[in-house]
Amino acid sequence: MILALRALGLGDLLTVVPAVRGLRRAYPDHELVLATPAVLAPLVDAIGGVDRLLPTEAYVRAPMDRLPSPGGRPDVAVNLHGRGPQSHLALLAHRPLRLVGYDLPGGPQWSDGVHEVERWCRLVGPDAAPDDLDLPPPPPVDGWRDAVVVHPGASGPERCWPVPRFGALARRLAGSGRQVLITGGAGERGRALAVARAAGLPDSTVLAGDTDLTALAALVAHASLVVCGDTGVAHLATAYRTPSVVLFGPVSPALWGPPARPEHVALWRGPAGLADITIADVYAATVEVSHAAAAR
């Protein structure tokens, strides 16, 4: 058994898709078990090659203390979760014959200046290809095909572009005759409604809190455009090669941004953060990626 740990969120899982596929290539005759939150199961299935999901809590901000039993002693445990020591100890509790991870004696050392996709490909080795990010698209949802997805929320306020600017952008996009749908989690519904009202759009355009992961993935996969902050939806757009404009602040896109493809634009203004990204900047970027997509 190969036990790989990535007990984090949506975007975190999507950045290790190449590494997980690399493990499948490196150990073709082993059972591959991925420890990750159960809510991400639809995407784990789409990655391919994972034999079993080991459901975990989402250790995004909480410290990791233990993992459920994988049902046997792993031949190899691979820490795709972090640099340790807590995540190392959680894996070592299941007595693997070998532990692969950063900052272990005699092993590779963690570096802060590495893109998240590249980081885990380096750990897995040459069987992992950093550009192996694509997922097969799920079937479209009636009425949502070719929509513009505006996702105004993010995990922290420092990653959220102001509501009035999102509203003005959504108004301009809708004014060009495009269907605009506003997404988010249940806790982001208030923010999404505020964007819709600032844009002069009906509350029916707000899907925040009303979509599970499968529906959200279908929406993004068949959208004509995604505009969002540095959050999991941006990584879904990358996985489906959906044109996207991603607003970064304060973290650089060099660490978490989309790959260098014409259908993706990452906007970043350095330490100033999101405050210096204007509505005109974002609208110009939406035109750029839309033209790039049309030329494919």
Protein backbone atom coordinates (compact mmCIF):
# COMPACT_ATOMS: atom_id res chain seq x y z
CA MET A 1 0.00 0.00 0.00
CA ILE A 2 1.07 3.56 -0.79
CA LEU A 3 -0.52 6.05 1.63
CA ALA A 4 -0.46 9.69 0.45
CA LEU A 5 -1.61 12.50 2.74
CA ARG A 6 -3.20 15.78 1.54
CA ALA A 7 -5.83 16.65 4.15
CA LEU A 8 -6.47 20.20 2.97
CA GLY A 9 -8.93 22.08 0.73
CA LEU A 10 -10.08 22.15 -2.88
CA GLY A 11 -7.22 24.13 -4.40
CA ASP A 12 -4.68 22.22 -2.32
CA LEU A 13 -5.88 18.92 -3.75
CA LEU A 14 -5.78 20.19 -7.32
CA THR A 15 -2.17 21.33 -6.98
CA VAL A 16 -1.04 17.78 -6.14
CA VAL A 17 -2.82 16.10 -9.07
CA PRO A 18 0.51 15.68 -10.95
CA ALA A 19 2.20 14.30 -7.83
CA VAL A 20 -0.60 11.79 -7.18
CA ARG A 21 -0.47 10.63 -10.79
CA GLY A 22 3.30 10.39 -10.45
CA LEU A 23 2.89 8.06 -7.48
CA ARG A 24 0.56 5.89 -9.55
CA ARG A 25 3.24 5.61 -12.25
CA ALA A 26 6.01 4.98 -9.74
CA TYR A 27 4.10 2.22 -7.92
CA PRO A 28 1.84 0.59 -10.53
CA ASP A 29 1.39 -2.64 -8.56
CA HIS A 30 0.54 -1.09 -5.18
CA GLU A 31 -2.79 0.02 -3.82
CA LEU A 32 -2.77 3.84 -3.77
CA VAL A 33 -4.68 5.33 -0.85
CA LEU A 34 -5.17 9.10 -0.67
CA ALA A 35 -5.97 10.60 2.74
CA THR A 36 -8.04 13.71 2.07
CA PRO A 37 -11.44 15.15 3.10
CA ALA A 38 -14.41 13.05 1.96
CA VAL A 39 -16.11 16.10 0.42
CA LEU A 40 -13.41 16.07 -2.29
CA ALA A 41 -14.28 12.53 -3.42
CA PRO A 42 -15.68 13.59 -6.84
CA LEU A 43 -12.35 15.17 -7.76
CA VAL A 44 -10.34 12.26 -6.38
CA ASP A 45 -12.29 10.00 -8.74
CA ALA A 46 -11.52 12.37 -11.63
CA ILE A 47 -7.76 12.33 -10.93
CA GLY A 48 -7.64 8.65 -11.80
CA GLY A 49 -5.34 6.01 -10.36
CA VAL A 50 -6.40 6.40 -6.74
CA ASP A 51 -7.68 3.06 -5.49
CA ARG A 52 -9.20 4.30 -2.26
CA LEU A 53 -9.95 7.56 -0.47
CA LEU A 54 -9.20 7.58 3.25
CA PRO A 55 -11.59 10.24 4.64
CA THR A 56 -9.99 12.81 6.93
CA GLU A 57 -10.85 16.06 8.54
CA ALA A 58 -9.80 19.17 6.61
CA TYR A 59 -6.67 20.25 8.46
CA VAL A 60 -6.54 23.66 6.83
CA ARG A 61 -6.10 25.72 9.98
CA ALA A 62 -6.31 23.16 12.77
CA PRO A 63 -3.23 21.21 13.86
CA MET A 64 -3.05 17.60 12.75
CA ASP A 65 -3.07 15.07 15.54
CA ARG A 66 -3.92 11.72 13.97
CA LEU A 67 -5.18 9.99 10.84
CA PRO A 68 -7.76 7.21 10.53
CA SER A 69 -6.35 3.75 10.04
CA PRO A 70 -5.64 2.97 6.38
CA GLY A 71 -6.46 -0.68 7.05
CA GLY A 72 -2.97 -2.05 6.99
CA ARG A 73 0.68 -1.15 7.26
CA PRO A 74 1.78 1.07 4.34
CA ASP A 75 4.83 0.10 2.36
CA VAL A 76 5.39 3.79 1.67
CA ALA A 77 3.76 6.83 3.28
CA VAL A 78 4.10 10.07 1.30
CA ASN A 79 3.59 13.39 3.03
CA LEU A 80 2.02 15.71 0.42
CA HIS A 81 0.46 17.71 3.25
CA GLY A 82 3.34 19.82 4.54
CA ARG A 83 6.86 19.85 5.93
CA GLY A 84 6.03 18.27 9.29
CA PRO A 85 6.58 17.51 12.04
CA GLN A 86 2.89 16.96 12.92
CA SER A 87 1.97 15.52 9.53
CA HIS A 88 5.07 13.28 9.59
CA LEU A 89 4.07 11.96 13.00
CA ALA A 90 0.50 11.31 11.88
CA LEU A 91 1.82 9.10 9.09
CA LEU A 92 4.48 7.43 11.24
CA ALA A 93 1.75 6.35 13.67
CA HIS A 94 0.76 3.75 11.04
CA ARG A 95 4.32 2.32 10.97
CA PRO A 96 5.09 2.64 7.25
CA LEU A 97 8.14 0.78 6.03
CA ARG A 98 9.29 4.05 4.47
CA LEU A 99 8.28 7.69 4.91
CA VAL A 100 8.76 10.17 2.06
CA GLY A 101 8.57 13.86 2.93
CA TYR A 102 10.41 17.12 3.31
CA ASP A 103 12.88 17.94 6.08
CA LEU A 104 13.47 14.32 7.04
CA PRO A 105 17.02 13.15 7.86
CA GLY A 106 18.96 12.64 4.63
CA GLY A 107 15.99 13.71 2.50
CA PRO A 108 15.01 16.77 0.46
CA GLN A 109 14.71 20.08 2.24
CA TRP A 110 11.74 22.45 2.09
CA SER A 111 12.13 25.73 0.18
CA ASP A 112 9.69 28.63 0.50
CA GLY A 113 10.26 29.96 -3.04
CA VAL A 114 8.78 27.04 -5.00
CA HIS A 115 5.43 26.86 -6.80
CA GLU A 116 3.09 24.49 -4.98
CA VAL A 117 2.69 22.18 -7.99
CA GLU A 118 6.44 21.96 -8.56
CA ARG A 119 7.12 21.39 -4.85
CA TRP A 120 5.25 18.10 -4.71
CA CYS A 121 6.42 16.93 -8.11
CA ARG A 122 10.00 17.33 -6.88
CA LEU A 123 9.21 15.20 -3.84
CA VAL A 124 7.66 12.39 -5.88
CA GLY A 125 10.40 12.43 -8.53
CA PRO A 126 10.58 12.11 -12.32
CA ASP A 127 7.30 10.21 -12.65
CA ALA A 128 5.41 13.43 -11.77
CA ALA A 129 4.96 16.04 -14.54
CA PRO A 130 4.02 19.56 -13.34
CA ASP A 131 1.84 20.25 -16.38
CA ASP A 132 -0.29 17.13 -15.79
CA LEU A 133 -3.10 19.20 -14.24
CA ASP A 134 -6.07 18.49 -16.50
CA LEU A 135 -9.20 16.76 -15.24
CA PRO A 136 -11.93 15.24 -17.44
CA PRO A 137 -14.90 17.64 -17.43
CA PRO A 138 -18.14 16.49 -15.84
CA PRO A 139 -21.38 16.79 -17.83
CA PRO A 140 -22.78 20.33 -18.08
CA VAL A 141 -25.76 21.52 -16.05
CA ASP A 142 -28.73 22.74 -18.08
CA GLY A 143 -28.86 26.52 -18.20
CA TRP A 144 -25.30 27.08 -17.00
CA ARG A 145 -23.23 26.36 -20.11
CA ASP A 146 -21.04 29.30 -21.24
CA ALA A 147 -21.87 31.38 -18.17
CA VAL A 148 -19.42 33.86 -16.70
CA VAL A 149 -18.55 32.73 -13.18
CA VAL A 150 -17.80 35.48 -10.66
CA HIS A 151 -16.48 34.10 -7.38
CA PRO A 152 -15.94 36.98 -4.92
CA GLY A 153 -15.00 35.02 -1.81
CA ALA A 154 -11.72 33.56 -0.56
CA SER A 155 -10.29 32.01 2.58
CA GLY A 156 -9.28 35.35 4.12
CA PRO A 157 -10.12 39.05 3.72
CA GLU A 158 -6.64 39.78 2.34
CA ARG A 159 -7.55 37.63 -0.68
CA CYS A 160 -10.91 39.32 -1.35
CA TRP A 161 -11.22 42.06 -3.95
CA PRO A 162 -13.73 44.70 -2.76
CA VAL A 163 -17.43 43.97 -3.28
CA PRO A 164 -18.14 47.27 -5.12
CA ARG A 165 -15.44 46.45 -7.67
CA PHE A 166 -16.73 42.92 -8.19
CA GLY A 167 -20.20 44.40 -8.59
CA ALA A 168 -19.09 46.96 -11.16
CA LEU A 169 -17.23 44.29 -13.10
CA ALA A 170 -20.21 41.92 -13.03
CA ARG A 171 -22.48 44.74 -14.22
CA ARG A 172 -20.17 45.40 -17.17
CA LEU A 173 -19.92 41.73 -18.08
CA ALA A 174 -23.67 41.25 -17.87
CA GLY A 175 -24.18 44.41 -19.92
CA SER A 176 -22.35 42.76 -22.81
CA GLY A 177 -25.10 40.16 -22.98
CA ARG A 178 -23.35 37.42 -21.03
CA GLN A 179 -24.98 35.33 -18.32
CA VAL A 180 -23.25 36.06 -15.02
CA LEU A 181 -23.51 33.61 -12.11
CA ILE A 182 -22.05 34.36 -8.70
CA THR A 183 -20.67 31.47 -6.68
CA GLY A 184 -19.36 30.82 -3.19
CA GLY A 185 -19.77 28.68 -0.15
CA ALA A 186 -22.70 28.89 2.25
CA GLY A 187 -20.72 31.26 4.46
CA GLU A 188 -20.07 33.55 1.49
CA ARG A 189 -23.68 33.95 0.41
CA GLY A 190 -24.02 37.41 1.95
CA ARG A 191 -20.99 38.64 0.05
CA ALA A 192 -22.25 37.08 -3.18
CA LEU A 193 -25.67 38.71 -2.78
CA ALA A 194 -23.99 42.07 -2.19
CA VAL A 195 -22.05 41.67 -5.45
CA ALA A 196 -25.24 40.78 -7.34
CA ARG A 197 -27.10 43.81 -5.97
CA ALA A 198 -24.17 46.11 -6.75
CA ALA A 199 -24.25 44.75 -10.29
CA GLY A 200 -28.00 45.20 -10.62
CA LEU A 201 -28.47 41.45 -11.02
CA PRO A 202 -31.33 39.43 -9.53
CA ASP A 203 -30.76 37.24 -6.50
CA SER A 204 -31.40 34.23 -8.76
CA THR A 205 -27.92 34.73 -10.25
CA VAL A 206 -26.38 33.90 -6.85
CA LEU A 207 -25.48 30.23 -6.49
CA ALA A 208 -23.42 30.65 -3.32
CA GLY A 209 -24.40 27.96 -0.83
CA ASP A 210 -26.57 26.16 -3.38
CA THR A 211 -23.97 24.09 -5.23
CA ASP A 212 -22.13 21.01 -4.07
CA LEU A 213 -18.67 20.26 -5.41
CA THR A 214 -19.98 18.24 -8.35
CA ALA A 215 -22.25 21.06 -9.50
CA LEU A 216 -19.55 23.69 -8.99
CA ALA A 217 -17.09 21.65 -11.03
CA ALA A 218 -19.63 21.26 -13.84
CA LEU A 219 -20.32 24.99 -13.81
CA VAL A 220 -16.64 25.92 -14.02
CA ALA A 221 -15.80 23.23 -16.57
CA HIS A 222 -18.36 24.57 -19.04
CA ALA A 223 -18.11 28.28 -18.24
CA SER A 224 -16.89 30.80 -20.79
CA LEU A 225 -14.95 32.72 -18.15
CA VAL A 226 -14.06 32.62 -14.44
CA VAL A 227 -13.12 35.70 -12.42
CA CYS A 228 -12.02 35.01 -8.87
CA GLY A 229 -9.42 35.51 -6.19
CA ASP A 230 -6.65 33.16 -5.17
CA THR A 231 -8.91 30.31 -4.15
CA GLY A 232 -9.98 26.78 -5.10
CA VAL A 233 -12.20 27.87 -7.99
CA ALA A 234 -9.11 29.25 -9.75
CA HIS A 235 -7.55 25.79 -9.65
CA LEU A 236 -10.76 24.26 -11.03
CA ALA A 237 -10.51 26.66 -13.98
CA THR A 238 -6.94 25.48 -14.54
CA ALA A 239 -7.97 21.83 -14.34
CA TYR A 240 -10.63 22.33 -17.04
CA ARG A 241 -8.67 24.92 -19.08
CA THR A 242 -11.51 27.38 -18.62
CA PRO A 243 -10.47 30.99 -19.37
CA SER A 244 -9.78 32.68 -16.04
CA VAL A 245 -8.67 35.93 -14.50
CA VAL A 246 -7.29 35.37 -11.00
CA LEU A 247 -6.68 38.26 -8.59
CA PHE A 248 -3.74 37.75 -6.25
CA GLY A 249 -2.91 39.52 -3.04
CA PRO A 250 -0.73 39.28 -1.04
CA VAL A 251 0.66 35.88 -2.14
CA SER A 252 2.47 35.93 -5.48
CA PRO A 253 1.10 33.86 -8.37
CA ALA A 254 4.65 32.54 -8.72
CA LEU A 255 3.78 30.31 -5.76
CA TRP A 256 0.11 29.41 -6.36
CA GLY A 257 -0.85 30.84 -9.75
CA PRO A 258 -2.13 29.13 -12.89
CA PRO A 259 0.29 27.71 -15.45
CA ALA A 260 1.60 29.96 -18.23
CA ARG A 261 -1.21 29.47 -20.71
CA PRO A 262 -2.89 32.18 -22.80
CA GLU A 263 -6.32 31.33 -21.36
CA HIS A 264 -5.26 32.28 -17.81
CA VAL A 265 -4.22 35.69 -16.51
CA ALA A 266 -3.00 36.27 -12.96
CA LEU A 267 -3.15 39.87 -11.74
CA TRP A 268 -0.83 40.87 -8.91
CA ARG A 269 0.45 44.24 -7.76
CA GLY A 270 3.05 43.05 -5.30
CA PRO A 271 2.97 43.98 -1.61
CA ALA A 272 0.25 46.55 -2.24
CA GLY A 273 -2.14 43.63 -2.62
CA LEU A 274 -5.59 43.76 -4.18
CA ALA A 275 -6.21 47.46 -3.53
CA ASP A 276 -4.20 48.47 -6.60
CA ILE A 277 -6.04 46.16 -9.01
CA THR A 278 -8.65 48.27 -10.82
CA ILE A 279 -11.90 47.35 -12.51
CA ALA A 280 -10.34 48.40 -15.82
CA ASP A 281 -7.40 46.05 -15.19
CA VAL A 282 -9.68 43.09 -14.62
CA TYR A 283 -12.02 43.84 -17.49
CA ALA A 284 -9.08 44.17 -19.89
CA ALA A 285 -7.81 40.80 -18.70
CA THR A 286 -11.22 39.19 -19.31
CA VAL A 287 -11.09 40.45 -22.89
CA GLU A 288 -7.56 39.08 -23.28
CA VAL A 289 -8.36 35.56 -22.10
CA SER A 290 -11.62 35.47 -24.04
CA HIS A 291 -9.77 36.32 -27.25
CA ALA A 292 -7.15 33.69 -26.46
CA ALA A 293 -9.85 31.08 -25.94
CA ALA A 294 -11.58 32.03 -29.21
CA ALA A 295 -8.29 31.61 -31.08
CA ARG A 296 -7.72 28.05 -29.86
